[in-house]
Amino acid sequence: MSRIIPDRKLKYAERLNHYLDNYDKAFTIGVDNVGSKSLANYRKRFRPRDIHIIMGKNTIIRKVLTMRVERLTAEGKLDGAKRTENMLEMVNGNVGFVFLPKGEEIGPVRDEVTSEKVQTAAKAGILAPIDVTVPPGPTGQDPSQTTFFQALNIPTKINRGQVEIMSPVKLIQQGEKVSRSAAELLVMLNMKPFFYGISVEYVYENGDVYPADVLDISLSDVASAFNNAIREVAALCLALNYPTAASVPHSIMDAYKNMLAIGLACKDYKWENLDKVREILADPSKFAAAAAPAASGDAPAEAAVVEEEEEEEESSVAAGGMFGGSDSDSDSDSSGDDDDSS
């Protein structure tokens, strides 16, 4: 005897399949401690923009997605079946789907959904989203409540007929369950430490599923990570004495430093840049005067002179490495300069 599927489940499956057929972008929202009124307000706000929110139990969502994968596979639409299968990992916890049309960007809609938070009291048994610290000061409670504070290991004293907390106390740890006594104390102190709202968990875009944290990665973050990787590659190649596009500029600069060191040691040898170096080493104040306009107005001229003296010391060390030390010492100094420059 076949089981009759309720109409509401059939309509839900039809609606979810409709969104999956017509929308390529979506993200899941976590709605723990979020009221139905907030979701209704978002639905009303998004409806003119063709953005749709669909909620449902995880069992029925997984069932609809699994049946869709089987149907698309049977029809030979393997690409569509793979995309739908990727969405199964998004169904975890108390979540729903937000489907976006082609004209909407995921980032701004995500920020709009997560911007509104509701301040609530701490309830016993829930996981604390943040640490909660009770500040020192008067509590407004009469001295008969002293034993309650002592049970929580909170140092108190009686001041002007009321209980006063003497020092800050970390009452709740993030990620731990709120105890009944801690919840009662916060209610007693009229503290509402938690802010709840909709959170975005996963993003689905053109068949790819990735965590919503990826949306926070900016171009500057990508450039910084790329630069750090280039530095690591250059340092490794210099250490292995293996020339690559990342290490060759540093090798050329190191070779040019060695040429300057040789030129400084040879009194009669000249070229334009070498003459400038000799001029600076002979009178560092000239370089300080030239560098002063580029520096900030608060920086003293002595700072530029100190930099020149440091540069002179580096040139002297480079010259010593070329003429005074062994080959192994020269190699170690050279790789050290390259690491700094990289």
Protein backbone atom coordinates (compact mmCIF):
# COMPACT_ATOMS: atom_id res chain seq x y z
CA MET A 1 0.00 0.00 0.00
CA SER A 2 1.56 3.25 -1.12
CA ARG A 3 1.68 6.15 1.26
CA ILE A 4 -0.24 9.29 0.30
CA ILE A 5 1.99 12.40 0.22
CA PRO A 6 0.30 15.47 1.73
CA ASP A 7 -0.51 18.30 -0.66
CA ARG A 8 1.53 20.79 1.33
CA LYS A 9 4.68 18.71 0.76
CA LEU A 10 3.96 18.40 -2.95
CA LYS A 11 3.45 22.16 -3.21
CA TYR A 12 6.67 22.77 -1.28
CA ALA A 13 8.61 20.46 -3.61
CA GLU A 14 7.11 22.20 -6.66
CA ARG A 15 8.04 25.61 -5.29
CA LEU A 16 11.63 24.61 -4.42
CA ASN A 17 12.13 22.99 -7.84
CA HIS A 18 10.80 26.15 -9.49
CA TYR A 19 13.43 28.26 -7.73
CA LEU A 20 16.17 25.78 -8.59
CA ASP A 21 15.14 25.86 -12.26
CA ASN A 22 15.05 29.65 -12.56
CA TYR A 23 17.72 30.98 -10.16
CA ASP A 24 21.48 30.40 -10.28
CA LYS A 25 22.35 32.19 -7.03
CA ALA A 26 21.25 31.43 -3.50
CA PHE A 27 22.52 31.34 0.06
CA THR A 28 21.40 29.64 3.22
CA ILE A 29 20.35 31.60 6.28
CA GLY A 30 20.55 30.44 9.89
CA VAL A 31 17.43 31.46 11.80
CA ASP A 32 18.19 30.30 15.35
CA ASN A 33 16.41 32.55 17.85
CA VAL A 34 14.83 34.53 14.99
CA GLY A 35 11.08 35.11 15.08
CA SER A 36 8.69 34.42 12.23
CA LYS A 37 7.77 38.12 12.15
CA SER A 38 11.32 39.06 11.12
CA LEU A 39 11.21 36.56 8.25
CA ALA A 40 7.82 37.90 7.16
CA ASN A 41 9.22 41.44 7.07
CA TYR A 42 12.14 40.31 4.91
CA ARG A 43 9.81 38.48 2.53
CA LYS A 44 7.70 41.61 2.15
CA ARG A 45 10.78 43.77 1.57
CA PHE A 46 12.37 41.41 -0.97
CA ARG A 47 9.27 40.51 -2.98
CA PRO A 48 9.45 43.59 -5.32
CA ARG A 49 13.10 42.72 -6.07
CA ASP A 50 12.24 39.12 -7.05
CA ILE A 51 14.21 37.76 -4.08
CA HIS A 52 12.54 34.76 -2.44
CA ILE A 53 12.97 33.16 0.99
CA ILE A 54 11.91 29.54 1.43
CA MET A 55 12.04 27.74 4.75
CA GLY A 56 11.40 24.10 5.55
CA LYS A 57 12.48 21.08 7.54
CA ASN A 58 15.83 19.59 6.63
CA THR A 59 14.30 16.20 5.93
CA ILE A 60 11.95 17.47 3.25
CA ILE A 61 14.60 19.77 1.73
CA ARG A 62 17.05 16.86 1.44
CA LYS A 63 14.31 14.64 0.03
CA VAL A 64 13.40 17.16 -2.67
CA LEU A 65 17.06 17.70 -3.60
CA THR A 66 17.77 13.95 -3.69
CA MET A 67 14.75 13.27 -5.92
CA ARG A 68 15.82 16.12 -8.18
CA VAL A 69 19.30 14.61 -8.53
CA GLU A 70 17.80 11.23 -9.46
CA ARG A 71 15.44 12.81 -12.00
CA LEU A 72 18.15 14.89 -13.68
CA THR A 73 20.49 11.92 -13.79
CA ALA A 74 17.83 9.79 -15.46
CA GLU A 75 17.24 12.55 -18.02
CA GLY A 76 20.98 12.70 -18.79
CA LYS A 77 21.42 16.17 -17.33
CA LEU A 78 24.50 15.26 -15.35
CA ASP A 79 25.69 18.85 -14.93
CA GLY A 80 22.41 19.91 -13.34
CA ALA A 81 22.41 16.81 -11.14
CA LYS A 82 25.93 17.63 -9.91
CA ARG A 83 24.93 21.20 -9.08
CA THR A 84 21.92 20.04 -7.11
CA GLU A 85 23.98 17.44 -5.30
CA ASN A 86 26.40 20.16 -4.19
CA MET A 87 23.53 21.93 -2.45
CA LEU A 88 22.96 18.99 -0.10
CA GLU A 89 25.94 20.06 2.02
CA MET A 90 24.27 23.44 2.59
CA VAL A 91 21.35 21.83 4.46
CA ASN A 92 22.61 21.70 8.02
CA GLY A 93 20.87 23.06 11.10
CA ASN A 94 17.91 25.41 11.28
CA VAL A 95 18.37 26.96 7.83
CA GLY A 96 16.42 28.26 4.86
CA PHE A 97 17.22 29.32 1.29
CA VAL A 98 17.30 32.81 -0.19
CA PHE A 99 17.18 32.79 -4.01
CA LEU A 100 18.45 35.81 -5.95
CA PRO A 101 17.79 36.86 -9.56
CA LYS A 102 20.60 37.65 -11.98
CA GLY A 103 20.53 41.39 -11.32
CA GLU A 104 21.25 41.06 -7.59
CA GLU A 105 24.70 40.70 -6.03
CA ILE A 106 25.08 38.24 -3.19
CA GLY A 107 27.30 40.44 -0.99
CA PRO A 108 24.95 43.45 -0.55
CA VAL A 109 21.91 41.21 0.01
CA ARG A 110 23.86 39.18 2.59
CA ASP A 111 24.83 42.40 4.41
CA GLU A 112 21.23 43.60 4.33
CA VAL A 113 19.93 40.35 5.80
CA THR A 114 22.51 40.17 8.60
CA SER A 115 22.47 43.86 9.55
CA GLU A 116 19.44 43.73 11.83
CA LYS A 117 19.98 42.30 15.30
CA VAL A 118 17.56 41.96 18.21
CA GLN A 119 18.80 42.34 21.78
CA THR A 120 17.54 39.57 24.05
CA ALA A 121 18.12 38.22 27.52
CA ALA A 122 20.23 35.14 28.14
CA LYS A 123 18.10 32.01 28.42
CA ALA A 124 19.17 28.94 30.35
CA GLY A 125 20.40 26.09 28.16
CA ILE A 126 21.31 28.04 25.02
CA LEU A 127 24.85 28.30 23.65
CA ALA A 128 26.39 31.68 24.39
CA PRO A 129 27.40 33.52 21.18
CA ILE A 130 29.78 35.82 23.11
CA ASP A 131 31.51 36.12 26.46
CA VAL A 132 29.49 37.89 29.15
CA THR A 133 31.23 39.86 31.91
CA VAL A 134 29.35 41.42 34.80
CA PRO A 135 30.81 44.88 35.55
CA PRO A 136 31.55 46.08 39.08
CA GLY A 137 29.18 48.47 40.81
CA PRO A 138 25.85 48.57 42.64
CA THR A 139 23.28 45.96 41.69
CA GLY A 140 20.15 47.45 43.27
CA GLN A 141 19.59 44.23 45.24
CA ASP A 142 19.02 44.15 48.97
CA PRO A 143 21.52 42.41 51.30
CA SER A 144 19.33 39.29 51.48
CA GLN A 145 20.58 38.37 47.97
CA THR A 146 24.20 38.10 49.11
CA THR A 147 24.08 34.29 49.25
CA PHE A 148 22.96 34.17 45.60
CA PHE A 149 26.07 36.09 44.53
CA GLN A 150 28.29 33.95 46.75
CA ALA A 151 26.97 30.80 45.05
CA LEU A 152 28.28 32.20 41.77
CA ASN A 153 31.66 33.11 43.33
CA ILE A 154 31.05 36.82 42.77
CA PRO A 155 32.82 39.04 45.30
CA THR A 156 30.39 41.56 46.80
CA LYS A 157 30.01 44.00 49.63
CA ILE A 158 27.13 45.87 51.23
CA ASN A 159 27.17 49.55 50.40
CA ARG A 160 24.34 51.93 51.30
CA GLY A 161 21.90 49.15 51.89
CA GLN A 162 22.44 47.27 48.60
CA VAL A 163 24.73 44.60 47.21
CA GLU A 164 27.67 45.95 45.23
CA ILE A 165 29.94 43.85 42.98
CA MET A 166 33.57 44.58 43.80
CA SER A 167 35.35 43.53 40.58
CA PRO A 168 34.46 42.42 37.01
CA VAL A 169 33.34 38.80 36.78
CA LYS A 170 33.34 36.70 33.62
CA LEU A 171 29.97 35.02 34.02
CA ILE A 172 29.46 33.20 30.70
CA GLN A 173 32.00 31.71 28.30
CA GLN A 174 31.42 31.87 24.56
CA GLY A 175 30.27 28.54 23.12
CA GLU A 176 29.17 27.13 26.46
CA LYS A 177 25.61 26.61 27.65
CA VAL A 178 24.12 29.32 29.83
CA SER A 179 23.42 28.00 33.32
CA ARG A 180 20.13 28.68 35.05
CA SER A 181 21.78 30.68 37.85
CA ALA A 182 23.69 32.85 35.35
CA ALA A 183 20.48 33.55 33.40
CA GLU A 184 18.65 34.47 36.61
CA LEU A 185 21.45 36.81 37.67
CA LEU A 186 21.40 38.64 34.33
CA VAL A 187 17.63 39.06 34.60
CA MET A 188 18.09 40.34 38.13
CA LEU A 189 20.64 42.89 36.90
CA ASN A 190 18.43 43.80 33.92
CA MET A 191 21.18 42.83 31.46
CA LYS A 192 20.41 41.65 27.91
CA PRO A 193 23.85 40.62 26.63
CA PHE A 194 22.97 38.71 23.48
CA PHE A 195 22.11 40.02 20.02
CA TYR A 196 20.42 37.59 17.66
CA GLY A 197 19.69 37.89 13.98
CA ILE A 198 19.81 36.02 10.70
CA SER A 199 23.19 34.58 9.79
CA VAL A 200 24.41 33.49 6.35
CA GLU A 201 26.08 30.08 6.28
CA TYR A 202 26.75 28.95 2.69
CA VAL A 203 26.56 30.48 -0.78
CA TYR A 204 25.46 28.72 -3.96
CA GLU A 205 26.51 30.38 -7.22
CA ASN A 206 26.43 28.77 -10.66
CA GLY A 207 26.74 25.28 -9.19
CA ASP A 208 29.55 26.08 -6.76
CA VAL A 209 29.05 25.98 -2.99
CA TYR A 210 31.38 27.84 -0.62
CA PRO A 211 31.25 29.31 2.91
CA ALA A 212 29.81 32.80 3.24
CA ASP A 213 33.08 34.01 4.82
CA VAL A 214 34.56 34.06 1.32
CA LEU A 215 32.41 37.12 0.59
CA ASP A 216 34.47 39.10 3.12
CA ILE A 217 37.71 38.58 1.16
CA SER A 218 38.63 41.84 -0.57
CA LEU A 219 40.99 42.54 -3.45
CA SER A 220 43.53 43.93 -1.00
CA ASP A 221 43.46 40.62 0.92
CA VAL A 222 44.10 38.72 -2.30
CA ALA A 223 46.96 41.06 -3.26
CA SER A 224 48.50 40.77 0.21
CA ALA A 225 48.33 36.97 0.14
CA PHE A 226 49.86 36.96 -3.36
CA ASN A 227 52.72 39.23 -2.26
CA ASN A 228 53.44 37.05 0.76
CA ALA A 229 53.53 33.96 -1.45
CA ILE A 230 55.93 35.67 -3.87
CA ARG A 231 58.22 36.57 -0.95
CA GLU A 232 58.24 32.96 0.23
CA VAL A 233 59.01 31.69 -3.27
CA ALA A 234 61.79 34.24 -3.73
CA ALA A 235 63.37 33.36 -0.36
CA LEU A 236 63.23 29.62 -1.15
CA CYS A 237 64.75 30.07 -4.62
CA LEU A 238 67.54 32.27 -3.25
CA ALA A 239 68.32 29.71 -0.57
CA LEU A 240 68.47 26.94 -3.20
CA ASN A 241 70.41 29.15 -5.64
CA TYR A 242 67.72 28.36 -8.22
CA PRO A 243 66.87 31.36 -10.42
CA THR A 244 63.19 32.07 -11.07
CA ALA A 245 61.13 35.10 -12.07
CA ALA A 246 60.55 35.79 -8.37
CA SER A 247 64.20 35.61 -7.30
CA VAL A 248 66.06 37.07 -10.30
CA PRO A 249 65.26 40.75 -9.43
CA HIS A 250 66.74 40.22 -5.96
CA SER A 251 69.80 38.51 -7.43
CA ILE A 252 70.30 41.42 -9.83
CA MET A 253 70.01 43.92 -7.00
CA ASP A 254 72.49 41.96 -4.90
CA ALA A 255 74.91 41.81 -7.82
CA TYR A 256 74.57 45.58 -8.29
CA LYS A 257 75.39 46.11 -4.61
CA ASN A 258 78.51 44.02 -5.07
CA MET A 259 79.45 46.12 -8.12
CA LEU A 260 79.07 49.29 -6.06
CA ALA A 261 81.27 47.76 -3.36
CA ILE A 262 83.95 46.93 -5.95
CA GLY A 263 83.69 50.41 -7.47
CA LEU A 264 84.10 52.05 -4.06
CA ALA A 265 87.20 49.94 -3.42
CA CYS A 266 88.69 50.93 -6.80
CA LYS A 267 89.61 54.59 -6.39
CA ASP A 268 90.04 55.37 -10.10
CA TYR A 269 86.91 53.61 -11.38
CA LYS A 270 83.89 55.82 -12.03
CA TRP A 271 80.35 55.85 -13.35
CA GLU A 272 77.41 58.12 -12.70
CA ASN A 273 75.66 56.20 -9.91
CA LEU A 274 78.92 55.31 -8.24
CA ASP A 275 79.86 59.00 -8.13
CA LYS A 276 76.53 59.73 -6.40
CA VAL A 277 77.22 57.05 -3.80
CA ARG A 278 80.70 58.45 -3.16
CA GLU A 279 79.27 61.94 -2.85
CA ILE A 280 76.69 60.80 -0.31
CA LEU A 281 79.25 58.86 1.71
CA ALA A 282 81.57 61.86 1.71
CA ASP A 283 78.87 64.29 2.89
CA PRO A 284 75.67 62.60 4.18
CA SER A 285 74.14 66.02 4.93
CA LYS A 286 73.56 66.56 1.19
CA PHE A 287 71.41 63.45 1.03
CA ALA A 288 69.58 64.55 4.20
CA ALA A 289 68.79 67.94 2.64
CA ALA A 290 67.48 66.29 -0.52
CA ALA A 291 65.36 63.80 1.39
CA ALA A 292 63.88 66.37 3.80
CA PRO A 293 61.07 67.62 1.48
CA ALA A 294 59.88 64.04 0.86
CA ALA A 295 59.76 63.29 4.57
CA SER A 296 56.90 64.43 6.81
CA GLY A 297 57.12 67.82 8.44
CA ASP A 298 57.40 66.32 11.94
CA ALA A 299 60.32 64.05 11.08
CA PRO A 300 63.68 65.63 12.06
CA ALA A 301 66.50 65.89 9.57
CA GLU A 302 68.67 63.74 11.83
CA ALA A 303 66.54 60.69 10.92
CA ALA A 304 67.61 60.94 7.28
CA VAL A 305 71.25 61.27 8.38
CA VAL A 306 70.92 58.12 10.48
CA GLU A 307 69.48 56.28 7.49
CA GLU A 308 72.46 57.34 5.41
CA GLU A 309 74.86 56.15 8.06
CA GLU A 310 73.08 52.79 8.10
CA GLU A 311 73.32 52.61 4.31
CA GLU A 312 77.03 53.40 4.57
CA GLU A 313 77.46 50.56 7.04
CA GLU A 314 75.63 48.17 4.71
CA SER A 315 77.88 49.19 1.83
CA SER A 316 80.93 48.63 4.01
CA VAL A 317 79.66 45.20 5.02
CA ALA A 318 79.01 44.34 1.38
CA ALA A 319 82.53 45.42 0.46
CA GLY A 320 83.97 43.39 3.30
CA GLY A 321 81.99 40.36 2.17
CA MET A 322 83.44 40.67 -1.34
CA PHE A 323 87.08 41.17 -0.37
CA GLY A 324 87.58 40.18 3.24
CA GLY A 325 85.53 37.02 3.90
CA SER A 326 85.47 33.50 2.52
CA ASP A 327 83.12 32.28 -0.23
CA SER A 328 80.75 30.73 2.26
CA ASP A 329 80.56 33.96 4.28
CA SER A 330 79.86 35.91 1.11
CA ASP A 331 77.06 33.57 0.13
CA SER A 332 75.43 33.77 3.54
CA ASP A 333 75.57 37.59 3.56
CA SER A 334 74.15 37.73 0.05
CA SER A 335 71.22 35.47 0.83
CA GLY A 336 70.52 37.47 3.98
CA ASP A 337 70.29 40.72 2.00
CA ASP A 338 68.01 39.05 -0.51
CA ASP A 339 65.69 37.81 2.21
CA ASP A 340 65.41 41.30 3.64
CA SER A 341 64.73 42.86 0.27
CA SER A 342 62.16 40.26 -0.55
